[in-house]
Amino acid sequence: MALGSEGGLPSVETGEDKTLKTAVNAFKKAYVTKILEENNWNQTKAAKVLGIQLTYVIRLIDELQIRK
């Protein structure tokens, strides 16, 4: 999923799980992916931009199955 052109929420198609947890995870995946792309997939730079520890970025990439 990607952020909309205006930075909106990722789309949730009809019939999909619409729980808050699913929506939050979809947003996190889209946002972290966007920040990684903006920083040429440099996880250290992305962590600084996000204001979180590098180890948490690595964990998010694994948990949310973020791929180039």
N, C-alpha and C. Protein backbone atom coordinates (compact mmCIF):
# COMPACT_ATOMS: atom_id res chain seq x y z
N MET A 1 0.84 -1.19 0.00
CA MET A 1 0.00 0.00 0.00
C MET A 1 0.87 1.24 0.00
N ALA A 2 0.37 2.27 -0.61
CA ALA A 2 1.13 3.51 -0.65
C ALA A 2 0.24 4.65 -0.17
N LEU A 3 0.89 5.68 0.29
CA LEU A 3 0.13 6.85 0.68
C LEU A 3 -0.46 7.48 -0.56
N GLY A 4 -1.63 8.07 -0.41
CA GLY A 4 -2.25 8.75 -1.54
C GLY A 4 -1.41 9.92 -1.99
N SER A 5 -1.73 10.47 -3.15
CA SER A 5 -0.94 11.55 -3.71
C SER A 5 -0.93 12.78 -2.81
N GLU A 6 -1.92 12.90 -1.97
CA GLU A 6 -1.97 14.04 -1.05
C GLU A 6 -1.62 13.64 0.37
N GLY A 7 -0.97 12.49 0.53
CA GLY A 7 -0.56 12.05 1.86
C GLY A 7 -1.69 11.49 2.69
N GLY A 8 -2.78 11.08 2.03
CA GLY A 8 -3.93 10.54 2.72
C GLY A 8 -3.70 9.13 3.21
N LEU A 9 -4.75 8.54 3.74
CA LEU A 9 -4.68 7.18 4.26
C LEU A 9 -4.60 6.18 3.12
N PRO A 10 -3.94 5.06 3.36
CA PRO A 10 -3.96 3.99 2.35
C PRO A 10 -5.39 3.52 2.17
N SER A 11 -5.75 3.15 0.95
CA SER A 11 -7.13 2.74 0.70
C SER A 11 -7.40 1.38 1.33
N VAL A 12 -8.61 1.21 1.80
CA VAL A 12 -9.05 -0.07 2.35
C VAL A 12 -10.23 -0.50 1.49
N GLU A 13 -10.03 -1.57 0.73
CA GLU A 13 -11.06 -2.01 -0.20
C GLU A 13 -12.21 -2.67 0.55
N THR A 14 -13.38 -2.66 -0.06
CA THR A 14 -14.56 -3.26 0.52
C THR A 14 -14.32 -4.74 0.80
N GLY A 15 -14.75 -5.18 1.96
CA GLY A 15 -14.61 -6.57 2.33
C GLY A 15 -13.34 -6.88 3.10
N GLU A 16 -12.39 -5.97 3.12
CA GLU A 16 -11.16 -6.20 3.86
C GLU A 16 -11.40 -5.99 5.34
N ASP A 17 -10.48 -6.52 6.14
CA ASP A 17 -10.52 -6.31 7.58
C ASP A 17 -10.41 -4.81 7.85
N LYS A 18 -11.37 -4.25 8.55
CA LYS A 18 -11.38 -2.81 8.80
C LYS A 18 -11.13 -2.48 10.27
N THR A 19 -10.45 -3.38 10.98
CA THR A 19 -10.16 -3.10 12.38
C THR A 19 -9.14 -1.98 12.48
N LEU A 20 -9.10 -1.35 13.64
CA LEU A 20 -8.14 -0.27 13.87
C LEU A 20 -6.71 -0.78 13.73
N LYS A 21 -6.45 -1.97 14.25
CA LYS A 21 -5.10 -2.54 14.16
C LYS A 21 -4.66 -2.68 12.71
N THR A 22 -5.54 -3.16 11.86
CA THR A 22 -5.22 -3.32 10.44
C THR A 22 -4.96 -1.96 9.79
N ALA A 23 -5.79 -0.97 10.12
CA ALA A 23 -5.62 0.36 9.55
C ALA A 23 -4.31 1.00 10.01
N VAL A 24 -3.98 0.85 11.28
CA VAL A 24 -2.73 1.41 11.82
C VAL A 24 -1.54 0.74 11.15
N ASN A 25 -1.58 -0.57 11.01
CA ASN A 25 -0.47 -1.28 10.36
C ASN A 25 -0.32 -0.89 8.91
N ALA A 26 -1.44 -0.69 8.21
CA ALA A 26 -1.39 -0.25 6.80
C ALA A 26 -0.75 1.13 6.71
N PHE A 27 -1.13 2.02 7.62
CA PHE A 27 -0.54 3.36 7.62
C PHE A 27 0.96 3.29 7.93
N LYS A 28 1.33 2.52 8.96
CA LYS A 28 2.75 2.41 9.33
C LYS A 28 3.56 1.88 8.16
N LYS A 29 3.05 0.85 7.50
CA LYS A 29 3.79 0.26 6.38
C LYS A 29 3.98 1.28 5.26
N ALA A 30 2.91 1.99 4.91
CA ALA A 30 2.99 2.99 3.84
C ALA A 30 3.93 4.12 4.22
N TYR A 31 3.84 4.59 5.46
CA TYR A 31 4.65 5.73 5.89
C TYR A 31 6.13 5.37 6.00
N VAL A 32 6.43 4.24 6.61
CA VAL A 32 7.82 3.82 6.75
C VAL A 32 8.42 3.55 5.37
N THR A 33 7.66 2.93 4.48
CA THR A 33 8.14 2.69 3.13
C THR A 33 8.46 4.01 2.43
N LYS A 34 7.58 5.00 2.57
CA LYS A 34 7.79 6.31 1.96
C LYS A 34 9.07 6.96 2.48
N ILE A 35 9.28 6.92 3.78
CA ILE A 35 10.48 7.52 4.38
C ILE A 35 11.73 6.77 3.92
N LEU A 36 11.66 5.45 3.86
CA LEU A 36 12.80 4.66 3.38
C LEU A 36 13.14 5.02 1.93
N GLU A 37 12.11 5.13 1.10
CA GLU A 37 12.34 5.50 -0.30
C GLU A 37 12.97 6.87 -0.42
N GLU A 38 12.50 7.83 0.38
CA GLU A 38 13.03 9.19 0.35
C GLU A 38 14.50 9.23 0.79
N ASN A 39 14.92 8.23 1.53
CA ASN A 39 16.30 8.17 2.03
C ASN A 39 17.10 7.04 1.38
N ASN A 40 16.69 6.68 0.16
CA ASN A 40 17.38 5.64 -0.62
C ASN A 40 17.56 4.35 0.17
N TRP A 41 16.57 3.99 0.96
CA TRP A 41 16.54 2.77 1.75
C TRP A 41 17.65 2.71 2.80
N ASN A 42 18.19 3.87 3.18
CA ASN A 42 19.18 3.92 4.25
C ASN A 42 18.41 3.90 5.57
N GLN A 43 18.50 2.79 6.26
CA GLN A 43 17.72 2.59 7.48
C GLN A 43 18.15 3.53 8.60
N THR A 44 19.42 3.86 8.68
CA THR A 44 19.90 4.78 9.72
C THR A 44 19.32 6.17 9.50
N LYS A 45 19.35 6.65 8.27
CA LYS A 45 18.77 7.98 7.97
C LYS A 45 17.26 7.97 8.20
N ALA A 46 16.59 6.90 7.79
CA ALA A 46 15.15 6.80 7.99
C ALA A 46 14.80 6.84 9.48
N ALA A 47 15.59 6.15 10.30
CA ALA A 47 15.36 6.15 11.74
C ALA A 47 15.45 7.57 12.30
N LYS A 48 16.44 8.34 11.84
CA LYS A 48 16.59 9.72 12.30
C LYS A 48 15.40 10.56 11.90
N VAL A 49 14.95 10.41 10.65
CA VAL A 49 13.79 11.18 10.17
C VAL A 49 12.55 10.82 10.97
N LEU A 50 12.38 9.53 11.24
CA LEU A 50 11.20 9.06 11.98
C LEU A 50 11.29 9.35 13.48
N GLY A 51 12.50 9.64 13.95
CA GLY A 51 12.69 9.91 15.37
C GLY A 51 12.61 8.66 16.23
N ILE A 52 13.05 7.53 15.65
CA ILE A 52 13.02 6.26 16.39
C ILE A 52 14.38 5.59 16.27
N GLN A 53 14.59 4.56 17.07
CA GLN A 53 15.84 3.81 17.07
C GLN A 53 15.94 2.96 15.81
N LEU A 54 17.16 2.77 15.33
CA LEU A 54 17.41 1.93 14.16
C LEU A 54 16.85 0.52 14.37
N THR A 55 17.01 0.00 15.57
CA THR A 55 16.51 -1.36 15.83
C THR A 55 15.00 -1.46 15.64
N TYR A 56 14.28 -0.37 15.95
CA TYR A 56 12.82 -0.37 15.76
C TYR A 56 12.48 -0.30 14.28
N VAL A 57 13.25 0.44 13.49
CA VAL A 57 13.04 0.49 12.04
C VAL A 57 13.21 -0.91 11.47
N ILE A 58 14.27 -1.59 11.89
CA ILE A 58 14.52 -2.95 11.40
C ILE A 58 13.37 -3.87 11.78
N ARG A 59 12.88 -3.74 13.01
CA ARG A 59 11.76 -4.57 13.46
C ARG A 59 10.49 -4.27 12.66
N LEU A 60 10.23 -2.98 12.38
CA LEU A 60 9.06 -2.63 11.58
C LEU A 60 9.14 -3.20 10.17
N ILE A 61 10.33 -3.12 9.57
CA ILE A 61 10.53 -3.66 8.23
C ILE A 61 10.20 -5.15 8.21
N ASP A 62 10.64 -5.86 9.23
CA ASP A 62 10.39 -7.30 9.33
C ASP A 62 8.91 -7.58 9.61
N GLU A 63 8.35 -6.94 10.63
CA GLU A 63 6.97 -7.21 11.03
C GLU A 63 5.96 -6.82 9.96
N LEU A 64 6.20 -5.70 9.26
CA LEU A 64 5.26 -5.22 8.27
C LEU A 64 5.57 -5.73 6.86
N GLN A 65 6.61 -6.55 6.77
CA GLN A 65 7.03 -7.16 5.51
C GLN A 65 7.25 -6.09 4.44
N ILE A 66 8.06 -5.10 4.77
CA ILE A 66 8.38 -4.02 3.85
C ILE A 66 9.53 -4.49 2.96
N ARG A 67 9.35 -4.35 1.67
CA ARG A 67 10.37 -4.77 0.69
C ARG A 67 10.60 -3.65 -0.31
N LYS A 68 11.82 -3.61 -0.84
CA LYS A 68 12.15 -2.64 -1.89
C LYS A 68 11.30 -2.86 -3.11
